[in-house]
Amino acid sequence: MQRMKKMRAGLFALVFCLFGQSTAGIAQEARPLSKGQSVYLPIYSHMLYGNLGKSGKASFVLLSALVSIRNTDSKRPLRILSAKYFDTQGKLLGERVSGPTVLPPLGTLELFVELNDASGGSGANFVVKWEADAAINPPLVEALHANMDGGKAVIFTTQSVPVAD
């Protein structure tokens, strides 16, 4: 019994070392300073799961999405110029920022896609465009997806990637 506990502890330590080092390096990688860019953020207004039923379709669960745009620069503000929401086919569903919005240093802008809004589909996305007067740390743009219905929870995040304008 004692030997089994030591083996499990050793295996856990090995896995932690292998994955802990690789993810720590990624998490601490500094991104180059920028005066602005556009970023693509995947959004899931629903998620398919399970097996194909008799109808030939998978089950799905609706998801809400909290889009978080965080100014990671501790000294300078940035401006969010637009946050366009697109559906799975690439059709523009709407602009979620009414005009240029200033984010102070370390400030956050939140946009919300409701649980009952399935218009985007499983391939929905935002394209967020931002700018700054001087080169700054780029913002962190991510989405927290959730459905906590019936005693079960589905929660995950997605992160943006820079795209050419």
Protein backbone atom coordinates (compact mmCIF):
# COMPACT_ATOMS: atom_id res chain seq x y z
CA MET A 1 0.00 0.00 0.00
CA GLN A 2 2.78 2.41 0.97
CA ARG A 3 4.68 1.54 -2.21
CA MET A 4 1.59 2.33 -4.33
CA LYS A 5 1.24 5.75 -2.69
CA LYS A 6 4.89 6.53 -3.42
CA MET A 7 4.47 5.45 -7.06
CA ARG A 8 1.39 7.67 -7.47
CA ALA A 9 3.19 10.61 -5.86
CA GLY A 10 6.17 10.07 -8.15
CA LEU A 11 3.95 9.84 -11.23
CA PHE A 12 2.11 12.98 -10.22
CA ALA A 13 5.40 14.83 -9.70
CA LEU A 14 6.65 13.70 -13.12
CA VAL A 15 3.48 14.81 -14.91
CA PHE A 16 3.50 18.12 -13.05
CA CYS A 17 7.13 18.77 -14.00
CA LEU A 18 6.56 17.91 -17.66
CA PHE A 19 3.42 19.98 -18.10
CA GLY A 20 4.12 22.63 -15.48
CA GLN A 21 7.32 23.78 -17.15
CA SER A 22 5.84 23.92 -20.66
CA THR A 23 2.76 25.90 -19.63
CA ALA A 24 4.74 28.21 -17.34
CA GLY A 25 6.95 29.19 -20.28
CA ILE A 26 3.93 29.97 -22.42
CA ALA A 27 2.17 31.94 -19.68
CA GLN A 28 5.20 34.17 -19.06
CA GLU A 29 6.08 34.89 -22.68
CA ALA A 30 5.98 38.67 -23.19
CA ARG A 31 4.08 39.87 -26.23
CA PRO A 32 5.59 42.69 -28.29
CA LEU A 33 4.37 46.22 -27.64
CA SER A 34 1.84 47.56 -30.15
CA LYS A 35 -0.04 50.76 -31.05
CA GLY A 36 -3.09 48.77 -32.16
CA GLN A 37 -4.39 45.69 -33.87
CA SER A 38 -7.42 43.56 -34.59
CA VAL A 39 -7.95 40.30 -32.75
CA TYR A 40 -10.19 37.32 -33.54
CA LEU A 41 -12.03 35.75 -30.59
CA PRO A 42 -13.92 32.44 -31.01
CA ILE A 43 -17.34 32.34 -29.32
CA TYR A 44 -19.63 29.35 -28.83
CA SER A 45 -23.31 30.20 -28.42
CA HIS A 46 -23.90 26.46 -28.21
CA MET A 47 -21.80 23.33 -27.95
CA LEU A 48 -22.47 19.97 -29.58
CA TYR A 49 -21.89 16.85 -27.48
CA GLY A 50 -22.72 13.18 -27.18
CA ASN A 51 -23.60 10.75 -29.94
CA LEU A 52 -25.66 11.27 -33.06
CA GLY A 53 -29.27 10.44 -32.26
CA LYS A 54 -31.86 8.75 -34.46
CA SER A 55 -32.31 12.10 -36.21
CA GLY A 56 -28.62 12.06 -37.21
CA LYS A 57 -27.89 15.12 -35.08
CA ALA A 58 -25.84 15.51 -31.92
CA SER A 59 -27.25 16.93 -28.72
CA PHE A 60 -26.36 20.52 -27.88
CA VAL A 61 -26.26 22.83 -24.91
CA LEU A 62 -26.71 26.60 -25.06
CA LEU A 63 -23.92 28.75 -23.63
CA SER A 64 -23.61 32.34 -22.49
CA ALA A 65 -20.35 34.14 -23.20
CA LEU A 66 -18.73 36.90 -21.18
CA VAL A 67 -16.21 38.67 -23.42
CA SER A 68 -13.50 40.34 -21.38
CA ILE A 69 -11.19 42.95 -22.93
CA ARG A 70 -8.45 43.76 -20.42
CA ASN A 71 -5.92 46.56 -20.75
CA THR A 72 -2.73 44.87 -19.54
CA ASP A 73 -0.69 48.09 -19.65
CA SER A 74 -0.20 49.62 -16.20
CA LYS A 75 0.65 53.13 -17.47
CA ARG A 76 -1.30 53.95 -20.64
CA PRO A 77 -4.95 53.77 -21.74
CA LEU A 78 -6.19 52.19 -24.96
CA ARG A 79 -9.28 52.68 -27.13
CA ILE A 80 -11.61 49.92 -28.22
CA LEU A 81 -12.73 51.03 -31.69
CA SER A 82 -15.08 48.16 -32.47
CA ALA A 83 -16.25 44.72 -31.35
CA LYS A 84 -18.06 43.11 -34.27
CA TYR A 85 -20.01 39.90 -33.64
CA PHE A 86 -20.24 37.34 -36.49
CA ASP A 87 -22.14 34.06 -36.84
CA THR A 88 -20.86 30.67 -37.98
CA GLN A 89 -21.25 31.63 -41.66
CA GLY A 90 -19.35 34.90 -41.19
CA LYS A 91 -22.46 37.10 -41.33
CA LEU A 92 -22.17 40.25 -39.22
CA LEU A 93 -24.71 40.05 -36.39
CA GLY A 94 -23.90 43.42 -34.89
CA GLU A 95 -21.48 45.90 -33.42
CA ARG A 96 -21.24 45.57 -29.62
CA VAL A 97 -19.36 48.85 -28.98
CA SER A 98 -21.35 51.99 -29.80
CA GLY A 99 -18.26 54.17 -30.31
CA PRO A 100 -14.61 54.41 -29.29
CA THR A 101 -14.37 53.32 -25.66
CA VAL A 102 -11.35 54.26 -23.54
CA LEU A 103 -9.97 51.60 -21.21
CA PRO A 104 -7.79 53.08 -18.46
CA PRO A 105 -4.57 51.33 -17.44
CA LEU A 106 -5.48 47.86 -16.11
CA GLY A 107 -9.16 48.53 -16.89
CA THR A 108 -11.60 46.00 -18.35
CA LEU A 109 -14.51 46.20 -20.81
CA GLU A 110 -17.06 43.38 -20.62
CA LEU A 111 -19.49 42.36 -23.37
CA PHE A 112 -22.14 39.71 -22.80
CA VAL A 113 -23.82 37.22 -25.14
CA GLU A 114 -26.88 35.85 -23.37
CA LEU A 115 -27.61 32.16 -22.90
CA ASN A 116 -30.81 32.47 -24.95
CA ASP A 117 -28.98 34.10 -27.91
CA ALA A 118 -28.05 31.16 -30.15
CA SER A 119 -27.83 33.35 -33.28
CA GLY A 120 -24.05 33.01 -33.53
CA GLY A 121 -23.93 29.23 -33.55
CA SER A 122 -21.00 27.05 -32.57
CA GLY A 123 -18.65 28.97 -34.89
CA ALA A 124 -19.49 32.51 -33.80
CA ASN A 125 -16.72 35.04 -33.25
CA PHE A 126 -15.84 38.59 -32.37
CA VAL A 127 -13.32 40.76 -34.17
CA VAL A 128 -12.12 43.42 -31.74
CA LYS A 129 -10.14 46.41 -33.01
CA TRP A 130 -8.13 48.58 -30.61
CA GLU A 131 -5.56 51.37 -30.74
CA ALA A 132 -3.32 53.40 -28.45
CA ASP A 133 -1.39 56.68 -28.78
CA ALA A 134 1.91 54.95 -27.98
CA ALA A 135 3.14 51.36 -28.10
CA ILE A 136 1.68 49.47 -25.11
CA ASN A 137 1.25 45.96 -23.81
CA PRO A 138 -1.53 44.45 -25.96
CA PRO A 139 -4.83 43.79 -24.21
CA LEU A 140 -5.89 40.32 -23.14
CA VAL A 141 -9.11 39.44 -24.98
CA GLU A 142 -10.88 36.27 -23.91
CA ALA A 143 -14.35 34.83 -23.41
CA LEU A 144 -15.75 32.82 -20.53
CA HIS A 145 -18.49 30.44 -21.72
CA ALA A 146 -20.94 28.98 -19.23
CA ASN A 147 -24.13 27.04 -18.70
CA MET A 148 -24.97 25.98 -15.15
CA ASP A 149 -28.37 24.41 -15.69
CA GLY A 150 -29.85 21.43 -13.86
CA GLY A 151 -27.03 20.84 -11.40
CA LYS A 152 -24.45 20.43 -14.16
CA ALA A 153 -21.93 23.02 -15.26
CA VAL A 154 -20.16 23.63 -18.55
CA ILE A 155 -17.50 26.33 -18.21
CA PHE A 156 -14.52 27.06 -20.46
CA THR A 157 -12.56 29.97 -21.91
CA THR A 158 -11.34 30.97 -25.35
CA GLN A 159 -8.55 33.45 -26.15
CA SER A 160 -8.10 35.78 -29.07
CA VAL A 161 -5.42 35.73 -31.74
CA PRO A 162 -4.14 38.76 -33.69
CA VAL A 163 -5.33 39.05 -37.30
CA ALA A 164 -4.29 41.32 -40.16
CA ASP A 165 -6.62 44.25 -40.81
